[in-house]
Amino acid sequence: MKLNDIRISAIGGTVCSIWASISLGDVLQTALTAALGTLVSFGTSRLLAKLGKRKR
C-alpha cells in the first residue's frame, strides 16, 4: 500500500463515522438556530442604528 492510499482510507473512514453520527434533525436544528440568530442580529443592528440617529 502506498502512503496516499493509507491517507485516502483514513479520510474515508473518518468521513463515514462522522456521517453516521449526524442526523437530519441535528442539521435542521442547526440551520434554524443559525437563521434565528441572523434575524435577531439584523434586527438589533437596525434598532441600534435608529436609536443612534435620534441622539444626533
PDB file of N, CA and C in Angstrom:
ATOM      1  N   MET A   1       0.828  -1.174   0.000  1.00  0.00           N
ATOM      2  CA  MET A   1       0.000   0.000   0.000  1.00  0.00           C
ATOM      3  C   MET A   1       0.880   1.247   0.000  1.00  0.00           C
ATOM      4  N   LYS A   2       0.474   2.197  -0.747  1.00  0.00           N
ATOM      5  CA  LYS A   2       1.198   3.462  -0.799  1.00  0.00           C
ATOM      6  C   LYS A   2       0.690   4.392   0.295  1.00  0.00           C
ATOM      7  N   LEU A   3       1.497   5.391   0.601  1.00  0.00           N
ATOM      8  CA  LEU A   3       1.134   6.361   1.634  1.00  0.00           C
ATOM      9  C   LEU A   3      -0.150   7.102   1.258  1.00  0.00           C
ATOM     10  N   ASN A   4      -0.320   7.381  -0.028  1.00  0.00           N
ATOM     11  CA  ASN A   4      -1.513   8.078  -0.497  1.00  0.00           C
ATOM     12  C   ASN A   4      -2.761   7.224  -0.278  1.00  0.00           C
ATOM     13  N   ASP A   5      -2.650   5.917  -0.497  1.00  0.00           N
ATOM     14  CA  ASP A   5      -3.793   5.020  -0.282  1.00  0.00           C
ATOM     15  C   ASP A   5      -4.190   4.982   1.191  1.00  0.00           C
ATOM     16  N   ILE A   6      -3.198   5.004   2.068  1.00  0.00           N
ATOM     17  CA  ILE A   6      -3.485   4.983   3.508  1.00  0.00           C
ATOM     18  C   ILE A   6      -4.188   6.267   3.921  1.00  0.00           C
ATOM     19  N   ARG A   7      -3.741   7.383   3.391  1.00  0.00           N
ATOM     20  CA  ARG A   7      -4.382   8.664   3.723  1.00  0.00           C
ATOM     21  C   ARG A   7      -5.832   8.679   3.249  1.00  0.00           C
ATOM     22  N   ILE A   8      -6.069   8.217   2.033  1.00  0.00           N
ATOM     23  CA  ILE A   8      -7.431   8.197   1.497  1.00  0.00           C
ATOM     24  C   ILE A   8      -8.310   7.281   2.331  1.00  0.00           C
ATOM     25  N   SER A   9      -7.782   6.141   2.752  1.00  0.00           N
ATOM     26  CA  SER A   9      -8.548   5.210   3.584  1.00  0.00           C
ATOM     27  C   SER A   9      -8.882   5.828   4.938  1.00  0.00           C
ATOM     28  N   ALA A  10      -7.923   6.517   5.526  1.00  0.00           N
ATOM     29  CA  ALA A  10      -8.160   7.145   6.825  1.00  0.00           C
ATOM     30  C   ALA A  10      -9.197   8.256   6.714  1.00  0.00           C
ATOM     31  N   ILE A  11      -9.088   9.063   5.674  1.00  0.00           N
ATOM     32  CA  ILE A  11     -10.061  10.144   5.478  1.00  0.00           C
ATOM     33  C   ILE A  11     -11.453   9.567   5.211  1.00  0.00           C
ATOM     34  N   GLY A  12     -11.523   8.533   4.396  1.00  0.00           N
ATOM     35  CA  GLY A  12     -12.807   7.896   4.103  1.00  0.00           C
ATOM     36  C   GLY A  12     -13.454   7.315   5.348  1.00  0.00           C
ATOM     37  N   GLY A  13     -12.665   6.669   6.188  1.00  0.00           N
ATOM     38  CA  GLY A  13     -13.200   6.115   7.435  1.00  0.00           C
ATOM     39  C   GLY A  13     -13.681   7.194   8.377  1.00  0.00           C
ATOM     40  N   THR A  14     -12.952   8.277   8.450  1.00  0.00           N
ATOM     41  CA  THR A  14     -13.353   9.391   9.313  1.00  0.00           C
ATOM     42  C   THR A  14     -14.653  10.012   8.828  1.00  0.00           C
ATOM     43  N   VAL A  15     -14.753  10.237   7.531  1.00  0.00           N
ATOM     44  CA  VAL A  15     -15.973  10.830   6.967  1.00  0.00           C
ATOM     45  C   VAL A  15     -17.171   9.918   7.188  1.00  0.00           C
ATOM     46  N   CYS A  16     -16.991   8.630   6.995  1.00  0.00           N
ATOM     47  CA  CYS A  16     -18.101   7.686   7.196  1.00  0.00           C
ATOM     48  C   CYS A  16     -18.551   7.639   8.653  1.00  0.00           C
ATOM     49  N   SER A  17     -17.622   7.690   9.596  1.00  0.00           N
ATOM     50  CA  SER A  17     -18.010   7.650  11.002  1.00  0.00           C
ATOM     51  C   SER A  17     -18.708   8.933  11.418  1.00  0.00           C
ATOM     52  N   ILE A  18     -18.270  10.073  10.892  1.00  0.00           N
ATOM     53  CA  ILE A  18     -18.937  11.336  11.198  1.00  0.00           C
ATOM     54  C   ILE A  18     -20.323  11.368  10.557  1.00  0.00           C
ATOM     55  N   TRP A  19     -20.405  10.904   9.326  1.00  0.00           N
ATOM     56  CA  TRP A  19     -21.676  10.900   8.589  1.00  0.00           C
ATOM     57  C   TRP A  19     -22.731  10.085   9.320  1.00  0.00           C
ATOM     58  N   ALA A  20     -22.320   8.963   9.911  1.00  0.00           N
ATOM     59  CA  ALA A  20     -23.264   8.086  10.601  1.00  0.00           C
ATOM     60  C   ALA A  20     -23.757   8.707  11.897  1.00  0.00           C
ATOM     61  N   SER A  21     -22.991   9.597  12.504  1.00  0.00           N
ATOM     62  CA  SER A  21     -23.387  10.154  13.795  1.00  0.00           C
ATOM     63  C   SER A  21     -24.220  11.423  13.674  1.00  0.00           C
ATOM     64  N   ILE A  22     -24.350  11.985  12.492  1.00  0.00           N
ATOM     65  CA  ILE A  22     -25.124  13.213  12.295  1.00  0.00           C
ATOM     66  C   ILE A  22     -26.499  12.848  11.741  1.00  0.00           C
ATOM     67  N   SER A  23     -27.535  13.307  12.418  1.00  0.00           N
ATOM     68  CA  SER A  23     -28.887  13.018  11.953  1.00  0.00           C
ATOM     69  C   SER A  23     -29.478  14.239  11.246  1.00  0.00           C
ATOM     70  N   LEU A  24     -30.540  14.016  10.525  1.00  0.00           N
ATOM     71  CA  LEU A  24     -31.214  15.102   9.812  1.00  0.00           C
ATOM     72  C   LEU A  24     -31.793  16.115  10.796  1.00  0.00           C
ATOM     73  N   GLY A  25     -32.258  15.644  11.927  1.00  0.00           N
ATOM     74  CA  GLY A  25     -32.794  16.544  12.949  1.00  0.00           C
ATOM     75  C   GLY A  25     -31.738  17.506  13.467  1.00  0.00           C
ATOM     76  N   ASP A  26     -30.510  17.005  13.640  1.00  0.00           N
ATOM     77  CA  ASP A  26     -29.418  17.874  14.090  1.00  0.00           C
ATOM     78  C   ASP A  26     -29.120  18.952  13.062  1.00  0.00           C
ATOM     79  N   VAL A  27     -29.123  18.587  11.806  1.00  0.00           N
ATOM     80  CA  VAL A  27     -28.838  19.547  10.731  1.00  0.00           C
ATOM     81  C   VAL A  27     -29.939  20.606  10.670  1.00  0.00           C
ATOM     82  N   LEU A  28     -31.193  20.176  10.777  1.00  0.00           N
ATOM     83  CA  LEU A  28     -32.311  21.128  10.738  1.00  0.00           C
ATOM     84  C   LEU A  28     -32.286  22.058  11.949  1.00  0.00           C
ATOM     85  N   GLN A  29     -31.983  21.518  13.125  1.00  0.00           N
ATOM     86  CA  GLN A  29     -31.919  22.346  14.317  1.00  0.00           C
ATOM     87  C   GLN A  29     -30.806  23.383  14.202  1.00  0.00           C
ATOM     88  N   THR A  30     -29.676  22.984  13.666  1.00  0.00           N
ATOM     89  CA  THR A  30     -28.566  23.909  13.490  1.00  0.00           C
ATOM     90  C   THR A  30     -28.925  25.004  12.488  1.00  0.00           C
ATOM     91  N   ALA A  31     -29.575  24.627  11.395  1.00  0.00           N
ATOM     92  CA  ALA A  31     -29.964  25.609  10.380  1.00  0.00           C
ATOM     93  C   ALA A  31     -30.986  26.604  10.941  1.00  0.00           C
ATOM     94  N   LEU A  32     -31.955  26.107  11.695  1.00  0.00           N
ATOM     95  CA  LEU A  32     -32.962  27.006  12.269  1.00  0.00           C
ATOM     96  C   LEU A  32     -32.354  27.935  13.319  1.00  0.00           C
ATOM     97  N   THR A  33     -31.452  27.410  14.119  1.00  0.00           N
ATOM     98  CA  THR A  33     -30.785  28.246  15.121  1.00  0.00           C
ATOM     99  C   THR A  33     -29.950  29.330  14.454  1.00  0.00           C
ATOM    100  N   ALA A  34     -29.258  28.983  13.384  1.00  0.00           N
ATOM    101  CA  ALA A  34     -28.454  29.966  12.653  1.00  0.00           C
ATOM    102  C   ALA A  34     -29.347  31.037  12.027  1.00  0.00           C
ATOM    103  N   ALA A  35     -30.475  30.630  11.459  1.00  0.00           N
ATOM    104  CA  ALA A  35     -31.393  31.597  10.852  1.00  0.00           C
ATOM    105  C   ALA A  35     -31.972  32.537  11.907  1.00  0.00           C
ATOM    106  N   LEU A  36     -32.351  31.994  13.044  1.00  0.00           N
ATOM    107  CA  LEU A  36     -32.895  32.832  14.116  1.00  0.00           C
ATOM    108  C   LEU A  36     -31.830  33.793  14.635  1.00  0.00           C
ATOM    109  N   GLY A  37     -30.612  33.327  14.790  1.00  0.00           N
ATOM    110  CA  GLY A  37     -29.528  34.192  15.235  1.00  0.00           C
ATOM    111  C   GLY A  37     -29.262  35.314  14.252  1.00  0.00           C
ATOM    112  N   THR A  38     -29.352  35.010  12.975  1.00  0.00           N
ATOM    113  CA  THR A  38     -29.153  36.026  11.944  1.00  0.00           C
ATOM    114  C   THR A  38     -30.244  37.089  12.003  1.00  0.00           C
ATOM    115  N   LEU A  39     -31.481  36.655  12.161  1.00  0.00           N
ATOM    116  CA  LEU A  39     -32.593  37.611  12.241  1.00  0.00           C
ATOM    117  C   LEU A  39     -32.490  38.506  13.476  1.00  0.00           C
ATOM    118  N   VAL A  40     -32.138  37.929  14.616  1.00  0.00           N
ATOM    119  CA  VAL A  40     -32.006  38.713  15.835  1.00  0.00           C
ATOM    120  C   VAL A  40     -30.855  39.708  15.700  1.00  0.00           C
ATOM    121  N   SER A  41     -29.752  39.270  15.133  1.00  0.00           N
ATOM    122  CA  SER A  41     -28.609  40.158  14.948  1.00  0.00           C
ATOM    123  C   SER A  41     -28.951  41.311  14.007  1.00  0.00           C
ATOM    124  N   PHE A  42     -29.636  41.008  12.920  1.00  0.00           N
ATOM    125  CA  PHE A  42     -30.032  42.044  11.965  1.00  0.00           C
ATOM    126  C   PHE A  42     -30.999  43.038  12.613  1.00  0.00           C
ATOM    127  N   GLY A  43     -31.994  42.524  13.317  1.00  0.00           N
ATOM    128  CA  GLY A  43     -32.960  43.397  13.977  1.00  0.00           C
ATOM    129  C   GLY A  43     -32.311  44.282  15.019  1.00  0.00           C
ATOM    130  N   THR A  44     -31.387  43.731  15.783  1.00  0.00           N
ATOM    131  CA  THR A  44     -30.691  44.508  16.807  1.00  0.00           C
ATOM    132  C   THR A  44     -29.847  45.610  16.181  1.00  0.00           C
ATOM    133  N   SER A  45     -29.149  45.288  15.106  1.00  0.00           N
ATOM    134  CA  SER A  45     -28.322  46.314  14.466  1.00  0.00           C
ATOM    135  C   SER A  45     -29.174  47.426  13.863  1.00  0.00           C
ATOM    136  N   ARG A  46     -30.315  47.085  13.295  1.00  0.00           N
ATOM    137  CA  ARG A  46     -31.210  48.124  12.748  1.00  0.00           C
ATOM    138  C   ARG A  46     -31.778  49.001  13.860  1.00  0.00           C
ATOM    139  N   LEU A  47     -32.147  48.383  14.976  1.00  0.00           N
ATOM    140  CA  LEU A  47     -32.682  49.135  16.096  1.00  0.00           C
ATOM    141  C   LEU A  47     -31.631  50.079  16.673  1.00  0.00           C
ATOM    142  N   LEU A  48     -30.418  49.597  16.832  1.00  0.00           N
ATOM    143  CA  LEU A  48     -29.351  50.450  17.351  1.00  0.00           C
ATOM    144  C   LEU A  48     -29.008  51.582  16.384  1.00  0.00           C
ATOM    145  N   ALA A  49     -29.107  51.318  15.092  1.00  0.00           N
ATOM    146  CA  ALA A  49     -28.849  52.377  14.112  1.00  0.00           C
ATOM    147  C   ALA A  49     -29.914  53.465  14.213  1.00  0.00           C
ATOM    148  N   LYS A  50     -31.174  53.081  14.404  1.00  0.00           N
ATOM    149  CA  LYS A  50     -32.239  54.074  14.553  1.00  0.00           C
ATOM    150  C   LYS A  50     -32.079  54.868  15.842  1.00  0.00           C
ATOM    151  N   LEU A  51     -31.703  54.199  16.921  1.00  0.00           N
ATOM    152  CA  LEU A  51     -31.514  54.900  18.196  1.00  0.00           C
ATOM    153  C   LEU A  51     -30.318  55.834  18.116  1.00  0.00           C
ATOM    154  N   GLY A  52     -29.300  55.478  17.369  1.00  0.00           N
ATOM    155  CA  GLY A  52     -28.135  56.337  17.213  1.00  0.00           C
ATOM    156  C   GLY A  52     -28.436  57.584  16.417  1.00  0.00           C
ATOM    157  N   LYS A  53     -29.337  57.489  15.449  1.00  0.00           N
ATOM    158  CA  LYS A  53     -29.711  58.666  14.657  1.00  0.00           C
ATOM    159  C   LYS A  53     -30.556  59.639  15.451  1.00  0.00           C
ATOM    160  N   ARG A  54     -31.352  59.134  16.407  1.00  0.00           N
ATOM    161  CA  ARG A  54     -32.210  60.008  17.212  1.00  0.00           C
ATOM    162  C   ARG A  54     -31.389  60.903  18.133  1.00  0.00           C
ATOM    163  N   LYS A  55     -30.286  60.386  18.646  1.00  0.00           N
ATOM    164  CA  LYS A  55     -29.484  61.155  19.591  1.00  0.00           C
ATOM    165  C   LYS A  55     -28.761  62.315  18.920  1.00  0.00           C
ATOM    166  N   ARG A  56     -28.543  62.250  17.667  1.00  0.00           N
ATOM    167  CA  ARG A  56     -27.790  63.304  16.967  1.00  0.00           C
ATOM    168  C   ARG A  56     -28.627  64.480  16.657  1.00  0.00           C
TER     169      ARG A  56
END
